[in-house]
């Protein structure tokens, strides 16, 4: 499990000061990018430019519970729910205080960027991904 806190800024909101849903996905992607560096031990920059690998999202589903407003501090919790040969399923819960604001489920696939095809997890990354699974 990985946690980070991100503020809901003016750029993330509609004119009424309510979170605009595409910006929620940008914030989730920022949390997953931080998760990648922390949990996998490799930054997205290194993954893309040095290793030629990426982790595009191939599926996602979202549930929106309560609107978030300009200035809210949102807590993002990223959990691994499944690891495949080249994929990972993530659940991101987003809370403000004790209120669940929304959650997103992702499937991301490790991809060879030059070939545009899935790439099996290298052993060191697979070990990091599976160490906390039940």
N, C-alpha and C. Protein backbone atom coordinates (compact mmCIF):
# COMPACT_ATOMS: atom_id res chain seq x y z
N UNK A 1 0.85 -1.17 0.00
CA UNK A 1 0.00 0.00 0.00
C UNK A 1 0.90 1.24 0.00
N UNK A 2 0.47 2.25 -0.73
CA UNK A 2 1.21 3.50 -0.85
C UNK A 2 0.22 4.64 -0.66
N UNK A 3 0.63 5.67 0.09
CA UNK A 3 -0.24 6.83 0.31
C UNK A 3 0.49 8.11 -0.05
N UNK A 4 -0.30 9.03 -0.61
CA UNK A 4 0.20 10.38 -0.86
C UNK A 4 -0.96 11.35 -0.71
N UNK A 5 -0.65 12.59 -0.45
CA UNK A 5 -1.68 13.64 -0.30
C UNK A 5 -1.43 14.70 -1.36
N UNK A 6 -2.49 15.06 -2.06
CA UNK A 6 -2.41 16.08 -3.10
C UNK A 6 -3.54 17.08 -2.92
N UNK A 7 -3.26 18.36 -3.08
CA UNK A 7 -4.33 19.37 -2.95
C UNK A 7 -5.15 19.46 -4.23
N UNK A 8 -6.42 19.77 -4.07
CA UNK A 8 -7.26 20.06 -5.22
C UNK A 8 -7.08 21.54 -5.54
N UNK A 9 -6.44 21.80 -6.65
CA UNK A 9 -6.09 23.16 -7.05
C UNK A 9 -7.14 23.74 -7.99
N UNK A 10 -7.03 25.04 -8.21
CA UNK A 10 -7.94 25.74 -9.12
C UNK A 10 -7.96 25.08 -10.50
N UNK A 11 -6.80 24.65 -10.99
CA UNK A 11 -6.72 24.03 -12.32
C UNK A 11 -7.47 22.71 -12.41
N UNK A 12 -7.80 22.10 -11.26
CA UNK A 12 -8.51 20.82 -11.24
C UNK A 12 -10.02 20.98 -11.18
N UNK A 13 -10.49 22.22 -11.12
CA UNK A 13 -11.91 22.48 -10.84
C UNK A 13 -12.64 23.11 -12.02
N UNK A 14 -13.96 22.95 -12.00
CA UNK A 14 -14.80 23.65 -12.97
C UNK A 14 -15.05 25.07 -12.42
N UNK A 15 -15.77 25.91 -13.16
CA UNK A 15 -15.98 27.29 -12.69
C UNK A 15 -16.67 27.41 -11.33
N UNK A 16 -17.39 26.36 -10.90
CA UNK A 16 -18.06 26.40 -9.60
C UNK A 16 -17.14 25.97 -8.46
N UNK A 17 -15.88 25.60 -8.78
CA UNK A 17 -14.94 25.18 -7.75
C UNK A 17 -15.07 23.73 -7.36
N UNK A 18 -15.76 22.95 -8.19
CA UNK A 18 -15.93 21.52 -7.94
C UNK A 18 -14.97 20.75 -8.85
N UNK A 19 -14.38 19.68 -8.30
CA UNK A 19 -13.42 18.89 -9.07
C UNK A 19 -14.04 18.45 -10.39
N UNK A 20 -13.30 18.67 -11.47
CA UNK A 20 -13.71 18.28 -12.81
C UNK A 20 -13.17 16.87 -13.04
N UNK A 21 -14.05 15.91 -13.39
CA UNK A 21 -13.66 14.51 -13.35
C UNK A 21 -12.43 14.15 -14.18
N UNK A 22 -12.16 14.75 -15.35
CA UNK A 22 -10.91 14.37 -16.03
C UNK A 22 -9.67 14.75 -15.22
N UNK A 23 -9.77 15.79 -14.41
CA UNK A 23 -8.64 16.20 -13.58
C UNK A 23 -8.41 15.21 -12.44
N UNK A 24 -9.50 14.58 -11.97
CA UNK A 24 -9.35 13.51 -10.98
C UNK A 24 -8.40 12.43 -11.52
N UNK A 25 -8.59 12.08 -12.79
CA UNK A 25 -7.74 11.03 -13.38
C UNK A 25 -6.29 11.50 -13.49
N UNK A 26 -6.08 12.79 -13.75
CA UNK A 26 -4.72 13.32 -13.76
C UNK A 26 -4.09 13.21 -12.37
N UNK A 27 -4.86 13.53 -11.34
CA UNK A 27 -4.35 13.41 -9.97
C UNK A 27 -4.05 11.94 -9.63
N UNK A 28 -4.92 11.03 -10.06
CA UNK A 28 -4.66 9.61 -9.83
C UNK A 28 -3.38 9.18 -10.53
N UNK A 29 -3.18 9.66 -11.74
CA UNK A 29 -1.97 9.32 -12.47
C UNK A 29 -0.73 9.85 -11.75
N UNK A 30 -0.83 11.04 -11.17
CA UNK A 30 0.28 11.58 -10.39
C UNK A 30 0.58 10.69 -9.18
N UNK A 31 -0.48 10.23 -8.50
CA UNK A 31 -0.28 9.33 -7.36
C UNK A 31 0.35 8.01 -7.81
N UNK A 32 -0.08 7.48 -8.96
CA UNK A 32 0.50 6.23 -9.46
C UNK A 32 1.94 6.45 -9.90
N UNK A 33 2.25 7.61 -10.44
CA UNK A 33 3.63 7.90 -10.80
C UNK A 33 4.51 7.93 -9.55
N UNK A 34 4.01 8.51 -8.47
CA UNK A 34 4.75 8.50 -7.20
C UNK A 34 4.86 7.07 -6.66
N UNK A 35 3.79 6.29 -6.78
CA UNK A 35 3.80 4.88 -6.36
C UNK A 35 4.86 4.11 -7.14
N UNK A 36 4.97 4.37 -8.45
CA UNK A 36 5.95 3.67 -9.28
C UNK A 36 7.36 3.90 -8.74
N UNK A 37 7.69 5.14 -8.44
CA UNK A 37 9.03 5.45 -7.92
C UNK A 37 9.25 4.81 -6.56
N UNK A 38 8.25 4.87 -5.70
CA UNK A 38 8.39 4.37 -4.33
C UNK A 38 8.36 2.84 -4.27
N UNK A 39 7.38 2.23 -4.89
CA UNK A 39 7.19 0.78 -4.76
C UNK A 39 8.08 0.01 -5.72
N UNK A 40 8.13 0.44 -6.97
CA UNK A 40 8.97 -0.27 -7.94
C UNK A 40 10.43 0.16 -7.88
N UNK A 41 10.67 1.32 -7.29
CA UNK A 41 12.04 1.80 -7.15
C UNK A 41 12.63 2.36 -8.43
N UNK A 42 11.77 2.75 -9.36
CA UNK A 42 12.23 3.33 -10.62
C UNK A 42 11.27 4.46 -11.01
N UNK A 43 11.83 5.60 -11.37
CA UNK A 43 10.98 6.72 -11.76
C UNK A 43 10.42 6.47 -13.16
N UNK A 44 9.33 7.14 -13.47
CA UNK A 44 8.78 7.02 -14.83
C UNK A 44 9.78 7.53 -15.85
N UNK A 45 10.54 8.56 -15.52
CA UNK A 45 11.55 9.09 -16.44
C UNK A 45 12.57 8.01 -16.79
N UNK A 46 13.09 7.35 -15.74
CA UNK A 46 14.07 6.28 -15.97
C UNK A 46 13.44 5.13 -16.74
N UNK A 47 12.21 4.77 -16.35
CA UNK A 47 11.53 3.67 -17.02
C UNK A 47 11.37 3.97 -18.51
N UNK A 48 10.94 5.18 -18.84
CA UNK A 48 10.68 5.54 -20.25
C UNK A 48 11.97 5.71 -21.04
N UNK A 49 12.86 6.55 -20.53
CA UNK A 49 14.02 6.94 -21.33
C UNK A 49 15.19 5.97 -21.25
N UNK A 50 15.46 5.42 -20.07
CA UNK A 50 16.61 4.52 -19.93
C UNK A 50 16.24 3.08 -20.25
N UNK A 51 15.03 2.67 -19.88
CA UNK A 51 14.64 1.26 -20.05
C UNK A 51 13.74 1.03 -21.26
N UNK A 52 13.17 2.09 -21.82
CA UNK A 52 12.28 1.95 -22.96
C UNK A 52 10.97 1.26 -22.62
N UNK A 53 10.54 1.40 -21.36
CA UNK A 53 9.31 0.75 -20.90
C UNK A 53 8.30 1.79 -20.44
N UNK A 54 7.04 1.45 -20.54
CA UNK A 54 5.96 2.30 -20.06
C UNK A 54 4.93 1.44 -19.36
N UNK A 55 3.98 2.09 -18.71
CA UNK A 55 2.88 1.39 -18.02
C UNK A 55 1.56 2.04 -18.39
N UNK A 56 1.13 1.92 -19.63
CA UNK A 56 -0.14 2.54 -19.99
C UNK A 56 -1.33 1.84 -19.32
N UNK A 57 -2.36 2.61 -19.10
CA UNK A 57 -3.61 2.07 -18.58
C UNK A 57 -4.38 1.43 -19.73
N UNK A 58 -4.83 0.20 -19.52
CA UNK A 58 -5.61 -0.47 -20.55
C UNK A 58 -7.09 -0.58 -20.17
N UNK A 59 -7.38 -0.53 -18.88
CA UNK A 59 -8.78 -0.45 -18.43
C UNK A 59 -8.82 0.38 -17.15
N UNK A 60 -9.96 1.04 -16.96
CA UNK A 60 -10.20 1.70 -15.68
C UNK A 60 -11.69 1.81 -15.47
N UNK A 61 -12.06 1.82 -14.21
CA UNK A 61 -13.44 2.10 -13.83
C UNK A 61 -13.40 2.98 -12.60
N UNK A 62 -14.36 3.85 -12.50
CA UNK A 62 -14.37 4.83 -11.41
C UNK A 62 -15.74 4.90 -10.77
N UNK A 63 -15.73 5.16 -9.46
CA UNK A 63 -16.95 5.40 -8.71
C UNK A 63 -16.78 6.72 -7.98
N UNK A 64 -17.71 7.64 -8.24
CA UNK A 64 -17.66 8.96 -7.62
C UNK A 64 -18.71 9.01 -6.53
N UNK A 65 -18.31 9.36 -5.30
CA UNK A 65 -19.22 9.34 -4.17
C UNK A 65 -19.65 10.74 -3.74
N UNK A 66 -18.68 11.60 -3.47
CA UNK A 66 -18.96 12.94 -2.96
C UNK A 66 -18.09 13.93 -3.73
N UNK A 67 -18.63 15.06 -4.16
CA UNK A 67 -17.80 16.04 -4.88
C UNK A 67 -16.68 16.59 -4.00
N UNK A 68 -15.56 16.87 -4.63
CA UNK A 68 -14.46 17.55 -3.96
C UNK A 68 -14.46 18.99 -4.44
N UNK A 69 -13.95 19.87 -3.56
CA UNK A 69 -13.98 21.29 -3.86
C UNK A 69 -12.59 21.91 -3.74
N UNK A 70 -12.45 23.01 -4.43
CA UNK A 70 -11.20 23.75 -4.44
C UNK A 70 -10.63 23.86 -3.02
N UNK A 71 -9.35 23.49 -2.87
CA UNK A 71 -8.67 23.59 -1.58
C UNK A 71 -8.70 22.33 -0.76
N UNK A 72 -9.53 21.34 -1.12
CA UNK A 72 -9.55 20.08 -0.37
C UNK A 72 -8.19 19.40 -0.48
N UNK A 73 -7.76 18.78 0.61
CA UNK A 73 -6.57 17.93 0.60
C UNK A 73 -7.04 16.50 0.43
N UNK A 74 -6.63 15.90 -0.66
CA UNK A 74 -7.08 14.56 -1.01
C UNK A 74 -6.00 13.54 -0.70
N UNK A 75 -6.38 12.48 -0.01
CA UNK A 75 -5.48 11.39 0.31
C UNK A 75 -5.69 10.26 -0.68
N UNK A 76 -4.63 9.89 -1.38
CA UNK A 76 -4.66 8.84 -2.39
C UNK A 76 -3.97 7.60 -1.81
N UNK A 77 -4.69 6.49 -1.79
CA UNK A 77 -4.13 5.23 -1.34
C UNK A 77 -4.11 4.28 -2.53
N UNK A 78 -2.93 3.82 -2.91
CA UNK A 78 -2.75 2.94 -4.06
C UNK A 78 -2.46 1.54 -3.53
N UNK A 79 -3.29 0.58 -3.96
CA UNK A 79 -3.13 -0.82 -3.56
C UNK A 79 -3.02 -1.71 -4.80
N UNK A 80 -2.16 -2.69 -4.72
CA UNK A 80 -2.05 -3.71 -5.76
C UNK A 80 -3.09 -4.78 -5.45
N UNK A 81 -3.93 -5.11 -6.42
CA UNK A 81 -4.92 -6.15 -6.19
C UNK A 81 -4.62 -7.43 -6.98
N UNK A 82 -3.81 -7.31 -8.04
CA UNK A 82 -3.44 -8.49 -8.82
C UNK A 82 -2.21 -8.16 -9.64
N UNK A 83 -1.34 -9.16 -9.80
CA UNK A 83 -0.17 -9.03 -10.65
C UNK A 83 -0.19 -10.15 -11.66
N UNK A 84 -0.06 -9.79 -12.94
CA UNK A 84 0.01 -10.78 -14.01
C UNK A 84 1.41 -10.85 -14.59
N UNK A 85 1.56 -11.53 -15.69
CA UNK A 85 2.86 -11.69 -16.35
C UNK A 85 3.47 -10.34 -16.72
N UNK A 86 2.63 -9.44 -17.23
CA UNK A 86 3.10 -8.11 -17.60
C UNK A 86 2.14 -7.01 -17.14
N UNK A 87 1.13 -7.37 -16.37
CA UNK A 87 0.12 -6.40 -15.96
C UNK A 87 0.06 -6.29 -14.44
N UNK A 88 -0.59 -5.22 -14.00
CA UNK A 88 -0.86 -5.02 -12.59
C UNK A 88 -2.23 -4.36 -12.47
N UNK A 89 -3.03 -4.84 -11.54
CA UNK A 89 -4.30 -4.20 -11.22
C UNK A 89 -4.09 -3.37 -9.96
N UNK A 90 -4.53 -2.13 -10.03
CA UNK A 90 -4.39 -1.21 -8.91
C UNK A 90 -5.76 -0.67 -8.52
N UNK A 91 -5.94 -0.47 -7.23
CA UNK A 91 -7.12 0.22 -6.73
C UNK A 91 -6.63 1.48 -6.05
N UNK A 92 -7.18 2.61 -6.46
CA UNK A 92 -6.82 3.90 -5.86
C UNK A 92 -8.05 4.44 -5.16
N UNK A 93 -7.95 4.57 -3.83
CA UNK A 93 -9.01 5.18 -3.04
C UNK A 93 -8.63 6.61 -2.75
N UNK A 94 -9.57 7.52 -2.93
CA UNK A 94 -9.32 8.93 -2.71
C UNK A 94 -10.28 9.42 -1.63
N UNK A 95 -9.69 9.90 -0.53
CA UNK A 95 -10.46 10.36 0.62
C UNK A 95 -10.09 11.80 0.95
N UNK A 96 -11.02 12.47 1.61
CA UNK A 96 -10.77 13.78 2.19
C UNK A 96 -11.24 13.67 3.63
N UNK A 97 -10.27 13.68 4.55
CA UNK A 97 -10.63 13.41 5.94
C UNK A 97 -11.14 11.99 6.03
N UNK A 98 -12.32 11.82 6.61
CA UNK A 98 -12.88 10.47 6.73
C UNK A 98 -13.95 10.18 5.67
N UNK A 99 -14.02 11.01 4.62
CA UNK A 99 -15.00 10.81 3.55
C UNK A 99 -14.34 10.24 2.30
N UNK A 100 -14.90 9.15 1.82
CA UNK A 100 -14.47 8.61 0.53
C UNK A 100 -15.04 9.49 -0.56
N UNK A 101 -14.19 10.06 -1.39
CA UNK A 101 -14.63 10.94 -2.47
C UNK A 101 -14.85 10.17 -3.76
N UNK A 102 -13.89 9.30 -4.09
CA UNK A 102 -14.05 8.44 -5.27
C UNK A 102 -12.99 7.36 -5.22
N UNK A 103 -13.14 6.36 -6.07
CA UNK A 103 -12.13 5.31 -6.19
C UNK A 103 -12.04 4.91 -7.65
N UNK A 104 -10.86 4.47 -8.02
CA UNK A 104 -10.60 4.07 -9.40
C UNK A 104 -9.87 2.74 -9.39
N UNK A 105 -10.29 1.85 -10.27
CA UNK A 105 -9.59 0.58 -10.47
C UNK A 105 -8.94 0.62 -11.85
N UNK A 106 -7.67 0.27 -11.87
CA UNK A 106 -6.87 0.33 -13.09
C UNK A 106 -6.29 -1.03 -13.41
N UNK A 107 -6.11 -1.30 -14.70
CA UNK A 107 -5.18 -2.33 -15.15
C UNK A 107 -4.16 -1.61 -16.00
N UNK A 108 -2.90 -1.75 -15.60
CA UNK A 108 -1.81 -1.18 -16.36
C UNK A 108 -0.92 -2.32 -16.84
N UNK A 109 -0.34 -2.14 -18.02
CA UNK A 109 0.49 -3.19 -18.62
C UNK A 109 1.88 -2.64 -18.88
N UNK A 110 2.88 -3.36 -18.39
CA UNK A 110 4.26 -3.00 -18.70
C UNK A 110 4.46 -3.22 -20.19
N UNK A 111 4.93 -2.18 -20.89
CA UNK A 111 4.96 -2.19 -22.35
C UNK A 111 6.34 -1.78 -22.85
N UNK A 112 6.83 -2.52 -23.85
CA UNK A 112 8.03 -2.13 -24.58
C UNK A 112 7.60 -1.00 -25.49
N UNK A 113 8.08 0.21 -25.22
CA UNK A 113 7.60 1.38 -25.95
C UNK A 113 7.98 1.37 -27.42
N UNK A 114 9.12 0.83 -27.77
CA UNK A 114 9.55 0.80 -29.18
C UNK A 114 8.70 -0.17 -29.99
N UNK A 115 8.33 -1.29 -29.38
CA UNK A 115 7.55 -2.30 -30.10
C UNK A 115 6.04 -2.13 -29.92
N UNK A 116 5.66 -1.42 -28.86
CA UNK A 116 4.23 -1.26 -28.59
C UNK A 116 3.57 -2.55 -28.14
N UNK A 117 4.35 -3.41 -27.49
CA UNK A 117 3.83 -4.71 -27.04
C UNK A 117 4.13 -4.91 -25.55
N UNK A 118 3.32 -5.76 -24.93
CA UNK A 118 3.54 -6.03 -23.51
C UNK A 118 4.92 -6.64 -23.29
N UNK A 119 5.43 -6.44 -22.09
CA UNK A 119 6.77 -6.91 -21.72
C UNK A 119 6.65 -7.55 -20.34
N UNK A 120 7.15 -8.77 -20.16
CA UNK A 120 7.07 -9.41 -18.84
C UNK A 120 7.80 -8.59 -17.78
N UNK A 121 7.28 -8.64 -16.57
CA UNK A 121 7.93 -7.95 -15.47
C UNK A 121 9.34 -8.49 -15.28
N UNK A 122 10.34 -7.63 -15.21
CA UNK A 122 11.67 -8.10 -14.83
C UNK A 122 11.60 -8.66 -13.41
N UNK A 123 12.42 -9.66 -13.09
CA UNK A 123 12.33 -10.32 -11.78
C UNK A 123 12.37 -9.36 -10.59
N UNK A 124 13.21 -8.33 -10.64
CA UNK A 124 13.30 -7.42 -9.48
C UNK A 124 12.02 -6.60 -9.31
N UNK A 125 11.36 -6.25 -10.41
CA UNK A 125 10.10 -5.52 -10.29
C UNK A 125 8.97 -6.45 -9.85
N UNK A 126 8.97 -7.66 -10.38
CA UNK A 126 7.95 -8.64 -9.99
C UNK A 126 8.04 -8.93 -8.49
N UNK A 127 9.25 -9.04 -7.99
CA UNK A 127 9.43 -9.28 -6.55
C UNK A 127 8.84 -8.13 -5.74
N UNK A 128 9.08 -6.90 -6.16
CA UNK A 128 8.55 -5.74 -5.43
C UNK A 128 7.03 -5.68 -5.51
N UNK A 129 6.48 -6.06 -6.66
CA UNK A 129 5.03 -6.03 -6.83
C UNK A 129 4.32 -7.08 -5.99
N UNK A 130 4.93 -8.22 -5.83
CA UNK A 130 4.25 -9.35 -5.17
C UNK A 130 4.58 -9.50 -3.69
N UNK A 131 5.50 -8.71 -3.17
CA UNK A 131 5.93 -8.94 -1.78
C UNK A 131 4.83 -8.72 -0.76
N UNK A 132 3.86 -7.86 -1.03
CA UNK A 132 2.81 -7.59 -0.05
C UNK A 132 1.46 -8.22 -0.41
N UNK A 133 1.44 -9.02 -1.47
CA UNK A 133 0.18 -9.67 -1.83
C UNK A 133 -0.11 -10.82 -0.86
N UNK A 134 -1.40 -11.05 -0.59
CA UNK A 134 -1.74 -12.16 0.33
C UNK A 134 -1.42 -13.52 -0.26
